[in-house]
PDB file of N, CA and C in Angstrom:
ATOM      1  N   UNK A   1       5.163  -2.994  13.540  1.00  0.00           N
ATOM      2  CA  UNK A   1       4.876  -3.869  12.435  1.00  0.00           C
ATOM      3  C   UNK A   1       5.051  -3.091  11.131  1.00  0.00           C
ATOM      4  N   UNK A   2       5.544  -3.766  10.122  1.00  0.00           N
ATOM      5  CA  UNK A   2       5.695  -3.160   8.801  1.00  0.00           C
ATOM      6  C   UNK A   2       4.517  -3.608   7.947  1.00  0.00           C
ATOM      7  N   UNK A   3       3.716  -2.645   7.519  1.00  0.00           N
ATOM      8  CA  UNK A   3       2.505  -2.905   6.747  1.00  0.00           C
ATOM      9  C   UNK A   3       2.716  -2.400   5.331  1.00  0.00           C
ATOM     10  N   UNK A   4       2.447  -3.258   4.370  1.00  0.00           N
ATOM     11  CA  UNK A   4       2.583  -2.879   2.971  1.00  0.00           C
ATOM     12  C   UNK A   4       1.242  -2.940   2.266  1.00  0.00           C
ATOM     13  N   UNK A   5       1.108  -2.165   1.212  1.00  0.00           N
ATOM     14  CA  UNK A   5      -0.091  -2.205   0.375  1.00  0.00           C
ATOM     15  C   UNK A   5       0.315  -1.884  -1.046  1.00  0.00           C
ATOM     16  N   UNK A   6      -0.325  -2.587  -1.990  1.00  0.00           N
ATOM     17  CA  UNK A   6      -0.022  -2.373  -3.395  1.00  0.00           C
ATOM     18  C   UNK A   6      -1.281  -1.975  -4.147  1.00  0.00           C
ATOM     19  N   UNK A   7      -1.069  -1.435  -5.360  1.00  0.00           N
ATOM     20  CA  UNK A   7      -2.193  -1.023  -6.194  1.00  0.00           C
ATOM     21  C   UNK A   7      -3.021  -2.236  -6.591  1.00  0.00           C
ATOM     22  N   UNK A   8      -4.283  -1.990  -6.800  1.00  0.00           N
ATOM     23  CA  UNK A   8      -5.171  -3.046  -7.269  1.00  0.00           C
ATOM     24  C   UNK A   8      -4.890  -3.336  -8.735  1.00  0.00           C
ATOM     25  N   UNK A   9      -4.884  -4.600  -9.099  1.00  0.00           N
ATOM     26  CA  UNK A   9      -4.569  -4.976 -10.473  1.00  0.00           C
ATOM     27  C   UNK A   9      -5.805  -5.073 -11.363  1.00  0.00           C
ATOM     28  N   UNK A  10      -7.010  -5.146 -10.786  1.00  0.00           N
ATOM     29  CA  UNK A  10      -8.230  -5.150 -11.601  1.00  0.00           C
ATOM     30  C   UNK A  10      -8.451  -3.753 -12.162  1.00  0.00           C
ATOM     31  N   UNK A  11      -8.589  -3.647 -13.475  1.00  0.00           N
ATOM     32  CA  UNK A  11      -8.647  -2.332 -14.115  1.00  0.00           C
ATOM     33  C   UNK A  11      -9.876  -1.518 -13.720  1.00  0.00           C
ATOM     34  N   UNK A  12     -10.951  -2.162 -13.282  1.00  0.00           N
ATOM     35  CA  UNK A  12     -12.159  -1.431 -12.894  1.00  0.00           C
ATOM     36  C   UNK A  12     -12.233  -1.146 -11.392  1.00  0.00           C
ATOM     37  N   UNK A  13     -11.231  -1.570 -10.651  1.00  0.00           N
ATOM     38  CA  UNK A  13     -11.220  -1.362  -9.195  1.00  0.00           C
ATOM     39  C   UNK A  13     -10.711   0.039  -8.883  1.00  0.00           C
ATOM     40  N   UNK A  14     -11.529   0.823  -8.198  1.00  0.00           N
ATOM     41  CA  UNK A  14     -11.119   2.190  -7.857  1.00  0.00           C
ATOM     42  C   UNK A  14     -10.767   2.341  -6.381  1.00  0.00           C
ATOM     43  N   UNK A  15     -11.011   1.321  -5.591  1.00  0.00           N
ATOM     44  CA  UNK A  15     -10.690   1.409  -4.158  1.00  0.00           C
ATOM     45  C   UNK A  15      -9.218   1.098  -3.923  1.00  0.00           C
ATOM     46  N   UNK A  16      -8.737   1.534  -2.766  1.00  0.00           N
ATOM     47  CA  UNK A  16      -7.395   1.157  -2.337  1.00  0.00           C
ATOM     48  C   UNK A  16      -7.467   0.729  -0.876  1.00  0.00           C
ATOM     49  N   UNK A  17      -6.514  -0.074  -0.469  1.00  0.00           N
ATOM     50  CA  UNK A  17      -6.557  -0.691   0.859  1.00  0.00           C
ATOM     51  C   UNK A  17      -6.354   0.304   1.999  1.00  0.00           C
ATOM     52  N   UNK A  18      -5.633   1.372   1.758  1.00  0.00           N
ATOM     53  CA  UNK A  18      -5.354   2.347   2.813  1.00  0.00           C
ATOM     54  C   UNK A  18      -5.586   3.764   2.309  1.00  0.00           C
ATOM     55  N   UNK A  19      -6.204   4.560   3.132  1.00  0.00           N
ATOM     56  CA  UNK A  19      -6.355   5.982   2.844  1.00  0.00           C
ATOM     57  C   UNK A  19      -5.275   6.747   3.610  1.00  0.00           C
ATOM     58  N   UNK A  20      -4.987   7.974   3.218  1.00  0.00           N
ATOM     59  CA  UNK A  20      -4.000   8.756   3.978  1.00  0.00           C
ATOM     60  C   UNK A  20      -4.382   8.906   5.456  1.00  0.00           C
ATOM     61  N   UNK A  21      -5.655   9.013   5.754  1.00  0.00           N
ATOM     62  CA  UNK A  21      -6.096   9.162   7.145  1.00  0.00           C
ATOM     63  C   UNK A  21      -5.769   7.920   7.969  1.00  0.00           C
ATOM     64  N   UNK A  22      -5.984   6.748   7.380  1.00  0.00           N
ATOM     65  CA  UNK A  22      -5.674   5.501   8.083  1.00  0.00           C
ATOM     66  C   UNK A  22      -4.171   5.331   8.233  1.00  0.00           C
ATOM     67  N   UNK A  23      -3.424   5.708   7.207  1.00  0.00           N
ATOM     68  CA  UNK A  23      -1.961   5.652   7.290  1.00  0.00           C
ATOM     69  C   UNK A  23      -1.473   6.506   8.450  1.00  0.00           C
ATOM     70  N   UNK A  24      -2.020   7.693   8.589  1.00  0.00           N
ATOM     71  CA  UNK A  24      -1.612   8.581   9.684  1.00  0.00           C
ATOM     72  C   UNK A  24      -1.879   7.934  11.043  1.00  0.00           C
ATOM     73  N   UNK A  25      -3.045   7.331  11.202  1.00  0.00           N
ATOM     74  CA  UNK A  25      -3.380   6.664  12.477  1.00  0.00           C
ATOM     75  C   UNK A  25      -2.446   5.498  12.752  1.00  0.00           C
ATOM     76  N   UNK A  26      -2.158   4.706  11.723  1.00  0.00           N
ATOM     77  CA  UNK A  26      -1.274   3.558  11.909  1.00  0.00           C
ATOM     78  C   UNK A  26       0.150   3.983  12.237  1.00  0.00           C
ATOM     79  N   UNK A  27       0.641   5.024  11.587  1.00  0.00           N
ATOM     80  CA  UNK A  27       2.000   5.490  11.887  1.00  0.00           C
ATOM     81  C   UNK A  27       2.070   6.094  13.287  1.00  0.00           C
ATOM     82  N   UNK A  28       1.002   6.743  13.719  1.00  0.00           N
ATOM     83  CA  UNK A  28       0.967   7.280  15.083  1.00  0.00           C
ATOM     84  C   UNK A  28       1.000   6.159  16.128  1.00  0.00           C
ATOM     85  N   UNK A  29       0.528   4.990  15.744  1.00  0.00           N
ATOM     86  CA  UNK A  29       0.562   3.825  16.632  1.00  0.00           C
ATOM     87  C   UNK A  29       1.912   3.101  16.587  1.00  0.00           C
ATOM     88  N   UNK A  30       2.824   3.600  15.743  1.00  0.00           N
ATOM     89  CA  UNK A  30       4.166   3.051  15.690  1.00  0.00           C
ATOM     90  C   UNK A  30       4.434   2.092  14.544  1.00  0.00           C
ATOM     91  N   UNK A  31       3.488   1.919  13.646  1.00  0.00           N
ATOM     92  CA  UNK A  31       3.674   1.030  12.508  1.00  0.00           C
ATOM     93  C   UNK A  31       4.401   1.747  11.372  1.00  0.00           C
ATOM     94  N   UNK A  32       5.114   0.983  10.582  1.00  0.00           N
ATOM     95  CA  UNK A  32       5.767   1.482   9.378  1.00  0.00           C
ATOM     96  C   UNK A  32       4.897   1.088   8.198  1.00  0.00           C
ATOM     97  N   UNK A  33       4.628   2.031   7.309  1.00  0.00           N
ATOM     98  CA  UNK A  33       3.763   1.789   6.160  1.00  0.00           C
ATOM     99  C   UNK A  33       4.571   1.963   4.874  1.00  0.00           C
ATOM    100  N   UNK A  34       4.535   0.939   4.018  1.00  0.00           N
ATOM    101  CA  UNK A  34       5.193   0.995   2.708  1.00  0.00           C
ATOM    102  C   UNK A  34       4.110   0.796   1.651  1.00  0.00           C
ATOM    103  N   UNK A  35       3.979   1.761   0.763  1.00  0.00           N
ATOM    104  CA  UNK A  35       2.942   1.720  -0.262  1.00  0.00           C
ATOM    105  C   UNK A  35       3.544   1.791  -1.653  1.00  0.00           C
ATOM    106  N   UNK A  36       2.863   1.163  -2.595  1.00  0.00           N
ATOM    107  CA  UNK A  36       3.265   1.271  -3.989  1.00  0.00           C
ATOM    108  C   UNK A  36       2.910   2.668  -4.477  1.00  0.00           C
ATOM    109  N   UNK A  37       3.795   3.259  -5.254  1.00  0.00           N
ATOM    110  CA  UNK A  37       3.534   4.594  -5.801  1.00  0.00           C
ATOM    111  C   UNK A  37       2.226   4.601  -6.569  1.00  0.00           C
ATOM    112  N   UNK A  38       1.488   5.695  -6.438  1.00  0.00           N
ATOM    113  CA  UNK A  38       0.197   5.905  -7.099  1.00  0.00           C
ATOM    114  C   UNK A  38      -0.885   4.924  -6.654  1.00  0.00           C
ATOM    115  N   UNK A  39      -0.765   4.393  -5.454  1.00  0.00           N
ATOM    116  CA  UNK A  39      -1.735   3.419  -4.962  1.00  0.00           C
ATOM    117  C   UNK A  39      -3.152   3.982  -4.899  1.00  0.00           C
ATOM    118  N   UNK A  40      -3.308   5.244  -4.581  1.00  0.00           N
ATOM    119  CA  UNK A  40      -4.637   5.798  -4.371  1.00  0.00           C
ATOM    120  C   UNK A  40      -5.161   6.700  -5.462  1.00  0.00           C
ATOM    121  N   UNK A  41      -4.468   6.768  -6.572  1.00  0.00           N
ATOM    122  CA  UNK A  41      -4.843   7.712  -7.630  1.00  0.00           C
ATOM    123  C   UNK A  41      -6.283   7.525  -8.102  1.00  0.00           C
ATOM    124  N   UNK A  42      -6.719   6.280  -8.271  1.00  0.00           N
ATOM    125  CA  UNK A  42      -8.091   6.027  -8.733  1.00  0.00           C
ATOM    126  C   UNK A  42      -9.133   6.396  -7.670  1.00  0.00           C
ATOM    127  N   UNK A  43      -8.690   6.557  -6.436  1.00  0.00           N
ATOM    128  CA  UNK A  43      -9.578   6.955  -5.343  1.00  0.00           C
ATOM    129  C   UNK A  43      -9.410   8.424  -4.983  1.00  0.00           C
ATOM    130  N   UNK A  44      -8.675   9.144  -5.811  1.00  0.00           N
ATOM    131  CA  UNK A  44      -8.388  10.570  -5.589  1.00  0.00           C
ATOM    132  C   UNK A  44      -7.554  10.827  -4.339  1.00  0.00           C
ATOM    133  N   UNK A  45      -6.655   9.899  -4.029  1.00  0.00           N
ATOM    134  CA  UNK A  45      -5.630  10.086  -3.011  1.00  0.00           C
ATOM    135  C   UNK A  45      -4.300  10.088  -3.747  1.00  0.00           C
ATOM    136  N   UNK A  46      -3.430  10.997  -3.363  1.00  0.00           N
ATOM    137  CA  UNK A  46      -2.198  11.178  -4.112  1.00  0.00           C
ATOM    138  C   UNK A  46      -0.978  10.929  -3.239  1.00  0.00           C
ATOM    139  N   UNK A  47       0.125  10.628  -3.893  1.00  0.00           N
ATOM    140  CA  UNK A  47       1.347  10.256  -3.183  1.00  0.00           C
ATOM    141  C   UNK A  47       1.760  11.280  -2.134  1.00  0.00           C
ATOM    142  N   UNK A  48       1.630  12.568  -2.443  1.00  0.00           N
ATOM    143  CA  UNK A  48       2.046  13.581  -1.465  1.00  0.00           C
ATOM    144  C   UNK A  48       1.212  13.490  -0.186  1.00  0.00           C
ATOM    145  N   UNK A  49      -0.064  13.083  -0.306  1.00  0.00           N
ATOM    146  CA  UNK A  49      -0.907  12.927   0.880  1.00  0.00           C
ATOM    147  C   UNK A  49      -0.437  11.749   1.734  1.00  0.00           C
ATOM    148  N   UNK A  50      -0.061  10.670   1.070  1.00  0.00           N
ATOM    149  CA  UNK A  50       0.456   9.512   1.802  1.00  0.00           C
ATOM    150  C   UNK A  50       1.786   9.835   2.478  1.00  0.00           C
ATOM    151  N   UNK A  51       2.650  10.571   1.777  1.00  0.00           N
ATOM    152  CA  UNK A  51       3.924  10.969   2.379  1.00  0.00           C
ATOM    153  C   UNK A  51       3.701  11.850   3.607  1.00  0.00           C
ATOM    154  N   UNK A  52       2.765  12.811   3.489  1.00  0.00           N
ATOM    155  CA  UNK A  52       2.456  13.683   4.626  1.00  0.00           C
ATOM    156  C   UNK A  52       1.895  12.893   5.798  1.00  0.00           C
ATOM    157  N   UNK A  53       1.268  11.769   5.520  1.00  0.00           N
ATOM    158  CA  UNK A  53       0.693  10.924   6.573  1.00  0.00           C
ATOM    159  C   UNK A  53       1.709   9.980   7.190  1.00  0.00           C
ATOM    160  N   UNK A  54       2.920   9.932   6.620  1.00  0.00           N
ATOM    161  CA  UNK A  54       3.984   9.129   7.207  1.00  0.00           C
ATOM    162  C   UNK A  54       4.352   7.871   6.458  1.00  0.00           C
ATOM    163  N   UNK A  55       3.776   7.637   5.285  1.00  0.00           N
ATOM    164  CA  UNK A  55       4.082   6.433   4.513  1.00  0.00           C
ATOM    165  C   UNK A  55       5.371   6.593   3.719  1.00  0.00           C
ATOM    166  N   UNK A  56       6.000   5.467   3.445  1.00  0.00           N
ATOM    167  CA  UNK A  56       7.110   5.390   2.511  1.00  0.00           C
ATOM    168  C   UNK A  56       6.546   4.837   1.212  1.00  0.00           C
ATOM    169  N   UNK A  57       6.953   5.397   0.082  1.00  0.00           N
ATOM    170  CA  UNK A  57       6.462   4.935  -1.217  1.00  0.00           C
ATOM    171  C   UNK A  57       7.553   4.189  -1.953  1.00  0.00           C
ATOM    172  N   UNK A  58       7.143   3.148  -2.666  1.00  0.00           N
ATOM    173  CA  UNK A  58       8.081   2.346  -3.440  1.00  0.00           C
ATOM    174  C   UNK A  58       7.464   2.013  -4.789  1.00  0.00           C
ATOM    175  N   UNK A  59       8.291   1.974  -5.818  1.00  0.00           N
ATOM    176  CA  UNK A  59       7.801   1.568  -7.136  1.00  0.00           C
ATOM    177  C   UNK A  59       7.945   0.064  -7.334  1.00  0.00           C
ATOM    178  N   UNK A  60       8.586  -0.619  -6.401  1.00  0.00           N
ATOM    179  CA  UNK A  60       8.849  -2.048  -6.520  1.00  0.00           C
ATOM    180  C   UNK A  60       7.870  -2.868  -5.679  1.00  0.00           C
ATOM    181  N   UNK A  61       6.989  -3.591  -6.347  1.00  0.00           N
ATOM    182  CA  UNK A  61       6.056  -4.468  -5.637  1.00  0.00           C
ATOM    183  C   UNK A  61       6.826  -5.557  -4.893  1.00  0.00           C
ATOM    184  N   UNK A  62       7.859  -6.074  -5.517  1.00  0.00           N
ATOM    185  CA  UNK A  62       8.675  -7.105  -4.881  1.00  0.00           C
ATOM    186  C   UNK A  62       9.297  -6.600  -3.587  1.00  0.00           C
ATOM    187  N   UNK A  63       9.746  -5.349  -3.593  1.00  0.00           N
ATOM    188  CA  UNK A  63      10.329  -4.734  -2.405  1.00  0.00           C
ATOM    189  C   UNK A  63       9.288  -4.649  -1.280  1.00  0.00           C
ATOM    190  N   UNK A  64       8.081  -4.273  -1.635  1.00  0.00           N
ATOM    191  CA  UNK A  64       7.005  -4.165  -0.640  1.00  0.00           C
ATOM    192  C   UNK A  64       6.687  -5.534  -0.052  1.00  0.00           C
ATOM    193  N   UNK A  65       6.582  -6.548  -0.898  1.00  0.00           N
ATOM    194  CA  UNK A  65       6.285  -7.900  -0.420  1.00  0.00           C
ATOM    195  C   UNK A  65       7.388  -8.445   0.483  1.00  0.00           C
ATOM    196  N   UNK A  66       8.634  -8.195   0.155  1.00  0.00           N
ATOM    197  CA  UNK A  66       9.712  -8.773   0.949  1.00  0.00           C
ATOM    198  C   UNK A  66       9.956  -8.025   2.265  1.00  0.00           C
ATOM    199  N   UNK A  67       9.678  -6.728   2.308  1.00  0.00           N
ATOM    200  CA  UNK A  67       9.928  -5.949   3.521  1.00  0.00           C
ATOM    201  C   UNK A  67       8.754  -5.962   4.502  1.00  0.00           C
ATOM    202  N   UNK A  68       7.554  -6.213   4.015  1.00  0.00           N
ATOM    203  CA  UNK A  68       6.352  -6.087   4.852  1.00  0.00           C
ATOM    204  C   UNK A  68       6.063  -7.358   5.632  1.00  0.00           C
ATOM    205  N   UNK A  69       5.523  -7.167   6.821  1.00  0.00           N
ATOM    206  CA  UNK A  69       5.087  -8.292   7.637  1.00  0.00           C
ATOM    207  C   UNK A  69       3.636  -8.662   7.337  1.00  0.00           C
ATOM    208  N   UNK A  70       2.905  -7.721   6.784  1.00  0.00           N
ATOM    209  CA  UNK A  70       1.527  -7.949   6.377  1.00  0.00           C
ATOM    210  C   UNK A  70       1.271  -7.106   5.126  1.00  0.00           C
ATOM    211  N   UNK A  71       0.495  -7.663   4.205  1.00  0.00           N
ATOM    212  CA  UNK A  71       0.149  -6.965   2.965  1.00  0.00           C
ATOM    213  C   UNK A  71      -1.349  -6.716   2.960  1.00  0.00           C
ATOM    214  N   UNK A  72      -1.746  -5.488   2.705  1.00  0.00           N
ATOM    215  CA  UNK A  72      -3.159  -5.144   2.608  1.00  0.00           C
ATOM    216  C   UNK A  72      -3.509  -4.899   1.147  1.00  0.00           C
ATOM    217  N   UNK A  73      -4.639  -5.445   0.741  1.00  0.00           N
ATOM    218  CA  UNK A  73      -5.100  -5.287  -0.622  1.00  0.00           C
ATOM    219  C   UNK A  73      -6.594  -5.604  -0.639  1.00  0.00           C
ATOM    220  N   UNK A  74      -7.347  -4.978  -1.525  1.00  0.00           N
ATOM    221  CA  UNK A  74      -8.781  -5.224  -1.636  1.00  0.00           C
ATOM    222  C   UNK A  74      -9.029  -6.600  -2.256  1.00  0.00           C
ATOM    223  N   UNK A  75      -8.405  -6.874  -3.402  1.00  0.00           N
ATOM    224  CA  UNK A  75      -8.575  -8.131  -4.133  1.00  0.00           C
ATOM    225  C   UNK A  75      -7.393  -9.050  -3.874  1.00  0.00           C
ATOM    226  N   UNK A  76      -7.558 -10.349  -4.125  1.00  0.00           N
ATOM    227  CA  UNK A  76      -6.431 -11.280  -3.935  1.00  0.00           C
ATOM    228  C   UNK A  76      -5.242 -10.890  -4.800  1.00  0.00           C
ATOM    229  N   UNK A  77      -4.042 -11.211  -4.337  1.00  0.00           N
ATOM    230  CA  UNK A  77      -2.845 -10.857  -5.122  1.00  0.00           C
ATOM    231  C   UNK A  77      -2.780 -11.656  -6.417  1.00  0.00           C
ATOM    232  N   UNK A  78      -2.065 -11.123  -7.366  1.00  0.00           N
ATOM    233  CA  UNK A  78      -1.828 -11.822  -8.625  1.00  0.00           C
ATOM    234  C   UNK A  78      -0.948 -13.035  -8.353  1.00  0.00           C
ATOM    235  N   UNK A  79      -1.161 -14.097  -9.093  1.00  0.00           N
ATOM    236  CA  UNK A  79      -0.429 -15.349  -8.857  1.00  0.00           C
ATOM    237  C   UNK A  79       1.081 -15.187  -8.996  1.00  0.00           C
ATOM    238  N   UNK A  80       1.530 -14.220  -9.791  1.00  0.00           N
ATOM    239  CA  UNK A  80       2.981 -14.055  -9.960  1.00  0.00           C
ATOM    240  C   UNK A  80       3.675 -13.610  -8.671  1.00  0.00           C
ATOM    241  N   UNK A  81       2.904 -13.147  -7.680  1.00  0.00           N
ATOM    242  CA  UNK A  81       3.486 -12.704  -6.415  1.00  0.00           C
ATOM    243  C   UNK A  81       3.359 -13.748  -5.304  1.00  0.00           C
ATOM    244  N   UNK A  82       2.736 -14.890  -5.579  1.00  0.00           N
ATOM    245  CA  UNK A  82       2.577 -15.919  -4.552  1.00  0.00           C
ATOM    246  C   UNK A  82       3.911 -16.413  -4.013  1.00  0.00           C
ATOM    247  N   UNK A  83       4.915 -16.501  -4.871  1.00  0.00           N
ATOM    248  CA  UNK A  83       6.211 -16.983  -4.397  1.00  0.00           C
ATOM    249  C   UNK A  83       6.907 -15.982  -3.478  1.00  0.00           C
ATOM    250  N   UNK A  84       6.437 -14.736  -3.430  1.00  0.00           N
ATOM    251  CA  UNK A  84       7.027 -13.737  -2.541  1.00  0.00           C
ATOM    252  C   UNK A  84       6.393 -13.753  -1.159  1.00  0.00           C
ATOM    253  N   UNK A  85       5.267 -14.442  -1.019  1.00  0.00           N
ATOM    254  CA  UNK A  85       4.557 -14.462   0.273  1.00  0.00           C
ATOM    255  C   UNK A  85       5.227 -15.378   1.254  1.00  0.00           C
TER     256      UNK A  85
END
C-alpha cells in the first residue's frame, strides 16, 4: 500500500501523522511511504530521519494525494485538496 502524509496546516499544530519510527515499521511491512518535505519539523523530526527510515519525500502535496492510496493527517484536509481525494 502507498501511504502518504502531509504537513499540518493549522499554525499551532505541532504534531505530525507519522514519526520516523512508525515509518520504519511500515516500510518493513512492505508499504511505501510518501511524505511532504519538513512534515515533522515542528515535532523535532527531520527529513534525514524520515529518509533513513525508508520514506520518500515530496514538496508537492498534489503529488502525494494522487500517488497515495491512503492519506494520514492529524486534522482534516484543507478544502482546496478535496477535489484530489
